[in-house]
Amino acid sequence: MYLVDNCSNTDKAKGIAQPKQRKRTDQKRKRLGSDSPTKTEEKEKPKTDDTCEEVQPKRRKKMHRKRTRPGDDNPTILTFDLETTGLIENGDNMPHITQIAAMEKLSGSRFCKYVKPKKRLTNDAERITGIVMTNANTMLVKGKKVEAVGIRVAIGELCEWLEQFPNVSLVAHYGRGFDFRVVKSAIESIGMKDRLYKCVCTLVDSLPIFRKMYPGQSHKLADLVLSLLGTKYNEHDASDDVEALSKLLSHVDLYRKEILKYSFNFSDI
């Protein structure tokens, strides 16, 4: 077993040279001044906050993600309206849908479908909308026969139409109190809730918007059209109602972000 000397010949040589090197360093310091460091010391001296530049943290690159939920900056505004067999009774007894209509505000693209209800229309609903179901299960609108489909077919075709638009925001006048509640009840009853929810990002009730902008007057859709646009239209026809609402939104020149301040979801109603 060999014992190894911890200090090599080279290390010993370095140790002998150290006094001479210190002497030269002391002489150099005298020439430069006692407070001036030598190059060797400058190299060995660790950098401090006073001598190094502040390193700025790297900024993360912003990732622009496509937003398709409430608050999106570029929604597609669609006006929306229903005609039904009557009003909501006792808070939760929902009427059945007899007509669904929607309109894309910028392009003017439309959707309209008559729906065969499983409930009888009230006398008031027949009088106001002009929609009547005959004993032969045929739908008449103001005396003229129209093609009507079941609610499942109507909702399916509505979804197909909505799917062509990104970031859909449905706007209905008194929608929170009526239209959106009725359509929510209908899609839940036929098991098509998930499909419609995928097509629609947000809901907007235009009634509070016009109440805030024009206080002290009637806020019925027909009255607003008359007072603001100076015209009358065929009210209580869902197709004409969505066109009238679209014209009102264009007239007041509400930017889409302003409209979205009033947005909510189906879960909120």
C-alpha atoms as a PDB file:
ATOM      1  CA  MET A   1       0.000   0.000   0.000  1.00  0.00           C
ATOM      2  CA  TYR A   2       1.471   3.297  -1.089  1.00  0.00           C
ATOM      3  CA  LEU A   3       1.092   6.601   0.751  1.00  0.00           C
ATOM      4  CA  VAL A   4       0.670   9.514  -1.676  1.00  0.00           C
ATOM      5  CA  ASP A   5       2.102  12.892  -0.781  1.00  0.00           C
ATOM      6  CA  ASN A   6      -0.750  15.468  -1.035  1.00  0.00           C
ATOM      7  CA  CYS A   7       1.577  18.207  -2.234  1.00  0.00           C
ATOM      8  CA  SER A   8       3.125  17.645  -5.705  1.00  0.00           C
ATOM      9  CA  ASN A   9       6.424  19.090  -6.891  1.00  0.00           C
ATOM     10  CA  THR A  10       4.556  21.546  -9.110  1.00  0.00           C
ATOM     11  CA  ASP A  11       2.550  22.875  -6.150  1.00  0.00           C
ATOM     12  CA  LYS A  12       5.753  23.315  -4.188  1.00  0.00           C
ATOM     13  CA  ALA A  13       7.258  25.277  -7.059  1.00  0.00           C
ATOM     14  CA  LYS A  14       4.213  27.529  -7.143  1.00  0.00           C
ATOM     15  CA  GLY A  15       4.530  28.106  -3.424  1.00  0.00           C
ATOM     16  CA  ILE A  16       8.141  29.265  -3.851  1.00  0.00           C
ATOM     17  CA  ALA A  17       7.152  31.644  -6.651  1.00  0.00           C
ATOM     18  CA  GLN A  18       4.365  33.276  -4.646  1.00  0.00           C
ATOM     19  CA  PRO A  19       6.555  35.691  -2.611  1.00  0.00           C
ATOM     20  CA  LYS A  20       8.174  37.049  -5.811  1.00  0.00           C
ATOM     21  CA  GLN A  21       4.748  37.532  -7.431  1.00  0.00           C
ATOM     22  CA  ARG A  22       3.465  39.414  -4.346  1.00  0.00           C
ATOM     23  CA  LYS A  23       6.505  41.667  -4.475  1.00  0.00           C
ATOM     24  CA  ARG A  24       5.858  42.584  -8.118  1.00  0.00           C
ATOM     25  CA  THR A  25       2.176  43.214  -7.341  1.00  0.00           C
ATOM     26  CA  ASP A  26       3.072  45.519  -4.444  1.00  0.00           C
ATOM     27  CA  GLN A  27       5.455  47.479  -6.654  1.00  0.00           C
ATOM     28  CA  LYS A  28       2.780  47.862  -9.344  1.00  0.00           C
ATOM     29  CA  ARG A  29       0.238  49.062  -6.780  1.00  0.00           C
ATOM     30  CA  LYS A  30       2.694  51.750  -5.616  1.00  0.00           C
ATOM     31  CA  ARG A  31       2.998  53.051  -9.182  1.00  0.00           C
ATOM     32  CA  LEU A  32      -0.789  53.090  -9.791  1.00  0.00           C
ATOM     33  CA  GLY A  33      -1.835  54.219  -6.337  1.00  0.00           C
ATOM     34  CA  SER A  34      -2.742  52.129  -3.347  1.00  0.00           C
ATOM     35  CA  ASP A  35      -6.482  52.045  -4.121  1.00  0.00           C
ATOM     36  CA  SER A  36      -6.146  51.000  -7.768  1.00  0.00           C
ATOM     37  CA  PRO A  37      -6.597  47.260  -8.402  1.00  0.00           C
ATOM     38  CA  THR A  38      -4.268  45.394 -10.675  1.00  0.00           C
ATOM     39  CA  LYS A  39      -5.457  43.629 -13.835  1.00  0.00           C
ATOM     40  CA  THR A  40      -5.198  40.328 -12.064  1.00  0.00           C
ATOM     41  CA  GLU A  41      -7.382  41.587  -9.244  1.00  0.00           C
ATOM     42  CA  GLU A  42      -9.859  43.117 -11.708  1.00  0.00           C
ATOM     43  CA  LYS A  43     -10.212  39.766 -13.393  1.00  0.00           C
ATOM     44  CA  GLU A  44     -10.740  37.975 -10.078  1.00  0.00           C
ATOM     45  CA  LYS A  45     -13.011  40.639  -8.555  1.00  0.00           C
ATOM     46  CA  PRO A  46     -16.647  39.488  -8.639  1.00  0.00           C
ATOM     47  CA  LYS A  47     -19.116  41.841 -10.335  1.00  0.00           C
ATOM     48  CA  THR A  48     -21.416  43.780  -8.093  1.00  0.00           C
ATOM     49  CA  ASP A  49     -24.731  45.562  -8.773  1.00  0.00           C
ATOM     50  CA  ASP A  50     -22.772  48.843  -9.185  1.00  0.00           C
ATOM     51  CA  THR A  51     -20.587  47.573 -12.003  1.00  0.00           C
ATOM     52  CA  CYS A  52     -22.886  45.264 -13.992  1.00  0.00           C
ATOM     53  CA  GLU A  53     -25.779  46.238 -16.201  1.00  0.00           C
ATOM     54  CA  GLU A  54     -29.229  45.415 -14.926  1.00  0.00           C
ATOM     55  CA  VAL A  55     -30.487  42.335 -16.673  1.00  0.00           C
ATOM     56  CA  GLN A  56     -34.061  42.804 -17.786  1.00  0.00           C
ATOM     57  CA  PRO A  57     -36.248  39.731 -17.410  1.00  0.00           C
ATOM     58  CA  LYS A  58     -37.237  38.254 -20.724  1.00  0.00           C
ATOM     59  CA  ARG A  59     -40.771  39.150 -21.668  1.00  0.00           C
ATOM     60  CA  ARG A  60     -42.999  36.309 -22.610  1.00  0.00           C
ATOM     61  CA  LYS A  61     -44.258  36.444 -26.134  1.00  0.00           C
ATOM     62  CA  LYS A  62     -47.968  37.111 -26.171  1.00  0.00           C
ATOM     63  CA  MET A  63     -49.978  34.228 -27.525  1.00  0.00           C
ATOM     64  CA  HIS A  64     -53.052  35.319 -29.437  1.00  0.00           C
ATOM     65  CA  ARG A  65     -55.680  32.716 -28.865  1.00  0.00           C
ATOM     66  CA  LYS A  66     -58.966  32.549 -30.691  1.00  0.00           C
ATOM     67  CA  ARG A  67     -61.577  33.546 -28.178  1.00  0.00           C
ATOM     68  CA  THR A  68     -65.053  32.127 -28.632  1.00  0.00           C
ATOM     69  CA  ARG A  69     -66.559  32.741 -25.226  1.00  0.00           C
ATOM     70  CA  PRO A  70     -68.363  35.664 -23.598  1.00  0.00           C
ATOM     71  CA  GLY A  71     -66.485  38.962 -24.049  1.00  0.00           C
ATOM     72  CA  ASP A  72     -64.952  38.118 -27.438  1.00  0.00           C
ATOM     73  CA  ASP A  73     -63.832  41.272 -29.265  1.00  0.00           C
ATOM     74  CA  ASN A  74     -65.349  40.241 -32.583  1.00  0.00           C
ATOM     75  CA  PRO A  75     -68.769  38.609 -32.058  1.00  0.00           C
ATOM     76  CA  THR A  76     -71.336  37.924 -34.754  1.00  0.00           C
ATOM     77  CA  ILE A  77     -74.497  39.806 -33.771  1.00  0.00           C
ATOM     78  CA  LEU A  78     -77.693  37.923 -34.607  1.00  0.00           C
ATOM     79  CA  THR A  79     -81.125  39.250 -33.733  1.00  0.00           C
ATOM     80  CA  PHE A  80     -83.501  36.545 -32.533  1.00  0.00           C
ATOM     81  CA  ASP A  81     -87.243  36.184 -31.937  1.00  0.00           C
ATOM     82  CA  LEU A  82     -89.940  33.608 -31.242  1.00  0.00           C
ATOM     83  CA  GLU A  83     -93.676  33.359 -31.647  1.00  0.00           C
ATOM     84  CA  THR A  84     -95.392  30.966 -29.248  1.00  0.00           C
ATOM     85  CA  THR A  85     -98.695  29.406 -28.226  1.00  0.00           C
ATOM     86  CA  GLY A  86     -99.056  31.938 -25.412  1.00  0.00           C
ATOM     87  CA  LEU A  87     -97.229  33.511 -22.494  1.00  0.00           C
ATOM     88  CA  ILE A  88     -95.230  31.957 -19.653  1.00  0.00           C
ATOM     89  CA  GLU A  89     -97.729  30.968 -16.944  1.00  0.00           C
ATOM     90  CA  ASN A  90     -97.078  30.641 -13.219  1.00  0.00           C
ATOM     91  CA  GLY A  91     -93.418  31.467 -13.652  1.00  0.00           C
ATOM     92  CA  ASP A  92     -92.349  28.172 -15.260  1.00  0.00           C
ATOM     93  CA  ASN A  93     -95.185  26.783 -17.388  1.00  0.00           C
ATOM     94  CA  MET A  94     -93.643  27.371 -20.792  1.00  0.00           C
ATOM     95  CA  PRO A  95     -95.577  27.864 -24.026  1.00  0.00           C
ATOM     96  CA  HIS A  96     -94.592  25.979 -27.170  1.00  0.00           C
ATOM     97  CA  ILE A  97     -92.769  27.600 -30.076  1.00  0.00           C
ATOM     98  CA  THR A  98     -94.716  28.281 -33.280  1.00  0.00           C
ATOM     99  CA  GLN A  99     -92.085  30.320 -35.169  1.00  0.00           C
ATOM    100  CA  ILE A 100     -88.313  30.835 -34.848  1.00  0.00           C
ATOM    101  CA  ALA A 101     -86.488  33.625 -36.684  1.00  0.00           C
ATOM    102  CA  ALA A 102     -82.976  35.054 -36.647  1.00  0.00           C
ATOM    103  CA  MET A 103     -81.025  37.559 -38.734  1.00  0.00           C
ATOM    104  CA  GLU A 104     -77.316  38.331 -39.061  1.00  0.00           C
ATOM    105  CA  LYS A 105     -76.934  42.056 -38.561  1.00  0.00           C
ATOM    106  CA  LEU A 106     -74.208  42.861 -41.120  1.00  0.00           C
ATOM    107  CA  SER A 107     -74.998  40.574 -44.052  1.00  0.00           C
ATOM    108  CA  GLY A 108     -78.769  40.446 -43.582  1.00  0.00           C
ATOM    109  CA  SER A 109     -78.706  36.624 -43.779  1.00  0.00           C
ATOM    110  CA  ARG A 110     -81.953  35.219 -42.335  1.00  0.00           C
ATOM    111  CA  PHE A 111     -83.405  32.116 -40.760  1.00  0.00           C
ATOM    112  CA  CYS A 112     -87.144  31.509 -40.369  1.00  0.00           C
ATOM    113  CA  LYS A 113     -88.996  28.321 -39.543  1.00  0.00           C
ATOM    114  CA  TYR A 114     -92.587  27.617 -38.498  1.00  0.00           C
ATOM    115  CA  VAL A 115     -92.983  24.966 -35.821  1.00  0.00           C
ATOM    116  CA  LYS A 116     -95.897  22.657 -35.090  1.00  0.00           C
ATOM    117  CA  PRO A 117     -96.713  22.994 -31.380  1.00  0.00           C
ATOM    118  CA  LYS A 118     -98.047  20.224 -29.160  1.00  0.00           C
ATOM    119  CA  LYS A 119    -100.015  22.735 -27.113  1.00  0.00           C
ATOM    120  CA  ARG A 120    -103.083  24.582 -28.295  1.00  0.00           C
ATOM    121  CA  LEU A 121    -102.594  28.242 -29.105  1.00  0.00           C
ATOM    122  CA  THR A 122    -104.446  30.623 -26.822  1.00  0.00           C
ATOM    123  CA  ASN A 123    -107.061  32.881 -28.366  1.00  0.00           C
ATOM    124  CA  ASP A 124    -104.805  35.878 -27.739  1.00  0.00           C
ATOM    125  CA  ALA A 125    -101.856  34.179 -29.444  1.00  0.00           C
ATOM    126  CA  GLU A 126    -103.972  33.349 -32.513  1.00  0.00           C
ATOM    127  CA  ARG A 127    -105.275  36.898 -32.690  1.00  0.00           C
ATOM    128  CA  ILE A 128    -101.896  38.600 -32.211  1.00  0.00           C
ATOM    129  CA  THR A 129     -99.730  36.342 -34.410  1.00  0.00           C
ATOM    130  CA  GLY A 130    -102.317  35.210 -36.953  1.00  0.00           C
ATOM    131  CA  ILE A 131    -101.057  31.628 -36.505  1.00  0.00           C
ATOM    132  CA  VAL A 132    -103.755  28.934 -36.351  1.00  0.00           C
ATOM    133  CA  MET A 133    -103.524  25.144 -36.266  1.00  0.00           C
ATOM    134  CA  THR A 134    -106.372  23.373 -38.063  1.00  0.00           C
ATOM    135  CA  ASN A 135    -107.946  20.065 -37.040  1.00  0.00           C
ATOM    136  CA  ALA A 136    -105.870  18.431 -39.773  1.00  0.00           C
ATOM    137  CA  ASN A 137    -102.708  19.620 -37.994  1.00  0.00           C
ATOM    138  CA  THR A 138    -102.051  22.157 -40.730  1.00  0.00           C
ATOM    139  CA  MET A 139    -100.661  25.571 -39.871  1.00  0.00           C
ATOM    140  CA  LEU A 140    -102.226  28.698 -41.284  1.00  0.00           C
ATOM    141  CA  VAL A 141    -100.676  32.171 -40.983  1.00  0.00           C
ATOM    142  CA  LYS A 142    -103.227  34.881 -41.600  1.00  0.00           C
ATOM    143  CA  GLY A 143    -105.312  32.384 -43.511  1.00  0.00           C
ATOM    144  CA  LYS A 144    -102.481  31.058 -45.705  1.00  0.00           C
ATOM    145  CA  LYS A 145    -101.090  27.558 -45.355  1.00  0.00           C
ATOM    146  CA  VAL A 146     -97.392  27.417 -44.440  1.00  0.00           C
ATOM    147  CA  GLU A 147     -94.934  24.563 -44.117  1.00  0.00           C
ATOM    148  CA  ALA A 148     -94.288  23.732 -40.465  1.00  0.00           C
ATOM    149  CA  VAL A 149     -91.941  21.160 -38.904  1.00  0.00           C
ATOM    150  CA  GLY A 150     -91.514  19.545 -35.511  1.00  0.00           C
ATOM    151  CA  ILE A 151     -89.459  21.305 -32.839  1.00  0.00           C
ATOM    152  CA  ARG A 152     -86.542  18.845 -33.151  1.00  0.00           C
ATOM    153  CA  VAL A 153     -86.209  19.479 -36.887  1.00  0.00           C
ATOM    154  CA  ALA A 154     -86.552  23.241 -36.377  1.00  0.00           C
ATOM    155  CA  ILE A 155     -83.811  23.391 -33.718  1.00  0.00           C
ATOM    156  CA  GLY A 156     -81.545  21.171 -35.813  1.00  0.00           C
ATOM    157  CA  GLU A 157     -81.905  23.449 -38.842  1.00  0.00           C
ATOM    158  CA  LEU A 158     -81.367  26.507 -36.634  1.00  0.00           C
ATOM    159  CA  CYS A 159     -78.095  25.012 -35.357  1.00  0.00           C
ATOM    160  CA  GLU A 160     -76.923  24.259 -38.895  1.00  0.00           C
ATOM    161  CA  TRP A 161     -77.578  27.873 -39.841  1.00  0.00           C
ATOM    162  CA  LEU A 162     -75.858  29.240 -36.729  1.00  0.00           C
ATOM    163  CA  GLU A 163     -72.761  27.098 -37.273  1.00  0.00           C
ATOM    164  CA  GLN A 164     -71.709  29.191 -40.279  1.00  0.00           C
ATOM    165  CA  PHE A 165     -71.042  32.184 -37.995  1.00  0.00           C
ATOM    166  CA  PRO A 166     -68.153  32.550 -35.492  1.00  0.00           C
ATOM    167  CA  ASN A 167     -68.679  33.739 -31.911  1.00  0.00           C
ATOM    168  CA  VAL A 168     -72.464  34.072 -32.123  1.00  0.00           C
ATOM    169  CA  SER A 169     -74.232  36.525 -29.837  1.00  0.00           C
ATOM    170  CA  LEU A 170     -78.036  36.231 -29.946  1.00  0.00           C
ATOM    171  CA  VAL A 171     -79.874  39.500 -29.265  1.00  0.00           C
ATOM    172  CA  ALA A 172     -83.590  39.385 -28.446  1.00  0.00           C
ATOM    173  CA  HIS A 173     -85.878  42.149 -27.203  1.00  0.00           C
ATOM    174  CA  TYR A 174     -87.050  41.056 -23.735  1.00  0.00           C
ATOM    175  CA  GLY A 175     -85.050  37.903 -24.407  1.00  0.00           C
ATOM    176  CA  ARG A 176     -84.042  37.295 -20.819  1.00  0.00           C
ATOM    177  CA  GLY A 177     -87.615  37.379 -19.632  1.00  0.00           C
ATOM    178  CA  PHE A 178     -89.184  35.424 -22.472  1.00  0.00           C
ATOM    179  CA  ASP A 179     -87.501  34.235 -25.723  1.00  0.00           C
ATOM    180  CA  PHE A 180     -84.360  32.703 -24.212  1.00  0.00           C
ATOM    181  CA  ARG A 181     -86.308  31.081 -21.387  1.00  0.00           C
ATOM    182  CA  VAL A 182     -88.739  29.469 -23.840  1.00  0.00           C
ATOM    183  CA  VAL A 183     -86.046  28.180 -26.215  1.00  0.00           C
ATOM    184  CA  LYS A 184     -83.996  26.879 -23.271  1.00  0.00           C
ATOM    185  CA  SER A 185     -87.010  24.913 -22.038  1.00  0.00           C
ATOM    186  CA  ALA A 186     -87.615  23.533 -25.549  1.00  0.00           C
ATOM    187  CA  ILE A 187     -84.050  22.342 -26.180  1.00  0.00           C
ATOM    188  CA  GLU A 188     -83.818  20.747 -22.753  1.00  0.00           C
ATOM    189  CA  SER A 189     -87.071  18.853 -23.323  1.00  0.00           C
ATOM    190  CA  ILE A 190     -85.831  17.363 -26.613  1.00  0.00           C
ATOM    191  CA  GLY A 191     -82.238  16.738 -25.492  1.00  0.00           C
ATOM    192  CA  MET A 192     -80.605  19.245 -27.870  1.00  0.00           C
ATOM    193  CA  LYS A 193     -79.192  21.593 -25.253  1.00  0.00           C
ATOM    194  CA  ASP A 194     -75.528  20.776 -25.884  1.00  0.00           C
ATOM    195  CA  ARG A 195     -75.770  21.287 -29.621  1.00  0.00           C
ATOM    196  CA  LEU A 196     -77.361  24.736 -29.415  1.00  0.00           C
ATOM    197  CA  TYR A 197     -75.016  25.820 -26.624  1.00  0.00           C
ATOM    198  CA  LYS A 198     -72.023  25.031 -28.869  1.00  0.00           C
ATOM    199  CA  CYS A 199     -73.422  27.347 -31.551  1.00  0.00           C
ATOM    200  CA  VAL A 200     -74.040  30.312 -29.242  1.00  0.00           C
ATOM    201  CA  CYS A 201     -71.405  32.124 -27.176  1.00  0.00           C
ATOM    202  CA  THR A 202     -73.521  34.785 -25.488  1.00  0.00           C
ATOM    203  CA  LEU A 203     -77.077  36.064 -25.133  1.00  0.00           C
ATOM    204  CA  VAL A 204     -78.127  39.715 -24.999  1.00  0.00           C
ATOM    205  CA  ASP A 205     -81.441  41.268 -23.984  1.00  0.00           C
ATOM    206  CA  SER A 206     -81.841  44.535 -25.919  1.00  0.00           C
ATOM    207  CA  LEU A 207     -84.603  45.855 -23.642  1.00  0.00           C
ATOM    208  CA  PRO A 208     -82.236  47.145 -20.883  1.00  0.00           C
ATOM    209  CA  ILE A 209     -80.061  48.761 -23.569  1.00  0.00           C
ATOM    210  CA  PHE A 210     -82.915  50.878 -24.928  1.00  0.00           C
ATOM    211  CA  ARG A 211     -84.260  51.609 -21.442  1.00  0.00           C
ATOM    212  CA  LYS A 212     -80.912  53.112 -20.533  1.00  0.00           C
ATOM    213  CA  MET A 213     -80.525  55.036 -23.782  1.00  0.00           C
ATOM    214  CA  TYR A 214     -84.109  56.330 -24.019  1.00  0.00           C
ATOM    215  CA  PRO A 215     -85.648  56.655 -20.553  1.00  0.00           C
ATOM    216  CA  GLY A 216     -89.163  57.959 -20.053  1.00  0.00           C
ATOM    217  CA  GLN A 217     -90.800  56.388 -23.090  1.00  0.00           C
ATOM    218  CA  SER A 218     -92.359  53.104 -24.208  1.00  0.00           C
ATOM    219  CA  HIS A 219     -89.771  50.428 -24.891  1.00  0.00           C
ATOM    220  CA  LYS A 220     -91.970  47.987 -26.780  1.00  0.00           C
ATOM    221  CA  LEU A 221     -90.217  47.044 -29.996  1.00  0.00           C
ATOM    222  CA  ALA A 222     -92.928  48.504 -32.250  1.00  0.00           C
ATOM    223  CA  ASP A 223     -92.988  51.769 -30.273  1.00  0.00           C
ATOM    224  CA  LEU A 224     -89.197  52.121 -30.476  1.00  0.00           C
ATOM    225  CA  VAL A 225     -89.300  51.558 -34.240  1.00  0.00           C
ATOM    226  CA  LEU A 226     -91.969  54.230 -34.574  1.00  0.00           C
ATOM    227  CA  SER A 227     -90.244  56.785 -32.327  1.00  0.00           C
ATOM    228  CA  LEU A 228     -86.681  56.239 -33.527  1.00  0.00           C
ATOM    229  CA  LEU A 229     -87.142  55.174 -37.151  1.00  0.00           C
ATOM    230  CA  GLY A 230     -90.466  56.843 -37.836  1.00  0.00           C
ATOM    231  CA  THR A 231     -91.985  53.727 -39.419  1.00  0.00           C
ATOM    232  CA  LYS A 232     -94.394  50.901 -38.677  1.00  0.00           C
ATOM    233  CA  TYR A 233     -93.883  47.244 -39.479  1.00  0.00           C
ATOM    234  CA  ASN A 234     -95.677  43.900 -39.292  1.00  0.00           C
ATOM    235  CA  GLU A 235     -95.092  43.221 -35.611  1.00  0.00           C
ATOM    236  CA  HIS A 236     -95.627  39.811 -33.974  1.00  0.00           C
ATOM    237  CA  ASP A 237     -94.179  38.079 -36.998  1.00  0.00           C
ATOM    238  CA  ALA A 238     -90.807  36.763 -35.803  1.00  0.00           C
ATOM    239  CA  SER A 239     -89.163  37.327 -39.191  1.00  0.00           C
ATOM    240  CA  ASP A 240     -90.216  40.989 -39.255  1.00  0.00           C
ATOM    241  CA  ASP A 241     -89.383  41.454 -35.573  1.00  0.00           C
ATOM    242  CA  VAL A 242     -85.730  40.400 -36.044  1.00  0.00           C
ATOM    243  CA  GLU A 243     -85.373  42.765 -38.990  1.00  0.00           C
ATOM    244  CA  ALA A 244     -86.852  45.651 -36.988  1.00  0.00           C
ATOM    245  CA  LEU A 245     -84.508  44.973 -34.060  1.00  0.00           C
ATOM    246  CA  SER A 246     -81.513  44.796 -36.395  1.00  0.00           C
ATOM    247  CA  LYS A 247     -82.432  48.193 -37.860  1.00  0.00           C
ATOM    248  CA  LEU A 248     -82.750  49.667 -34.366  1.00  0.00           C
ATOM    249  CA  LEU A 249     -79.305  48.405 -33.348  1.00  0.00           C
ATOM    250  CA  SER A 250     -77.837  49.919 -36.514  1.00  0.00           C
ATOM    251  CA  HIS A 251     -79.671  53.190 -35.911  1.00  0.00           C
ATOM    252  CA  VAL A 252     -78.288  53.684 -32.402  1.00  0.00           C
ATOM    253  CA  ASP A 253     -74.849  52.669 -33.773  1.00  0.00           C
ATOM    254  CA  LEU A 254     -73.893  50.487 -30.841  1.00  0.00           C
ATOM    255  CA  TYR A 255     -70.425  49.018 -31.207  1.00  0.00           C
ATOM    256  CA  ARG A 256     -70.296  45.283 -30.602  1.00  0.00           C
ATOM    257  CA  LYS A 257     -68.301  45.702 -27.387  1.00  0.00           C
ATOM    258  CA  GLU A 258     -71.058  47.925 -26.017  1.00  0.00           C
ATOM    259  CA  ILE A 259     -73.673  45.299 -26.826  1.00  0.00           C
ATOM    260  CA  LEU A 260     -71.613  42.621 -25.093  1.00  0.00           C
ATOM    261  CA  LYS A 261     -71.670  44.577 -21.830  1.00  0.00           C
ATOM    262  CA  TYR A 262     -75.229  43.298 -21.501  1.00  0.00           C
ATOM    263  CA  SER A 263     -74.390  39.687 -22.341  1.00  0.00           C
ATOM    264  CA  PHE A 264     -75.130  36.574 -20.289  1.00  0.00           C
ATOM    265  CA  ASN A 265     -75.413  32.813 -20.794  1.00  0.00           C
ATOM    266  CA  PHE A 266     -78.188  30.229 -20.828  1.00  0.00           C
ATOM    267  CA  SER A 267     -77.061  29.156 -17.351  1.00  0.00           C
ATOM    268  CA  ASP A 268     -77.974  32.633 -16.068  1.00  0.00           C
ATOM    269  CA  ILE A 269     -81.667  32.280 -16.889  1.00  0.00           C
END
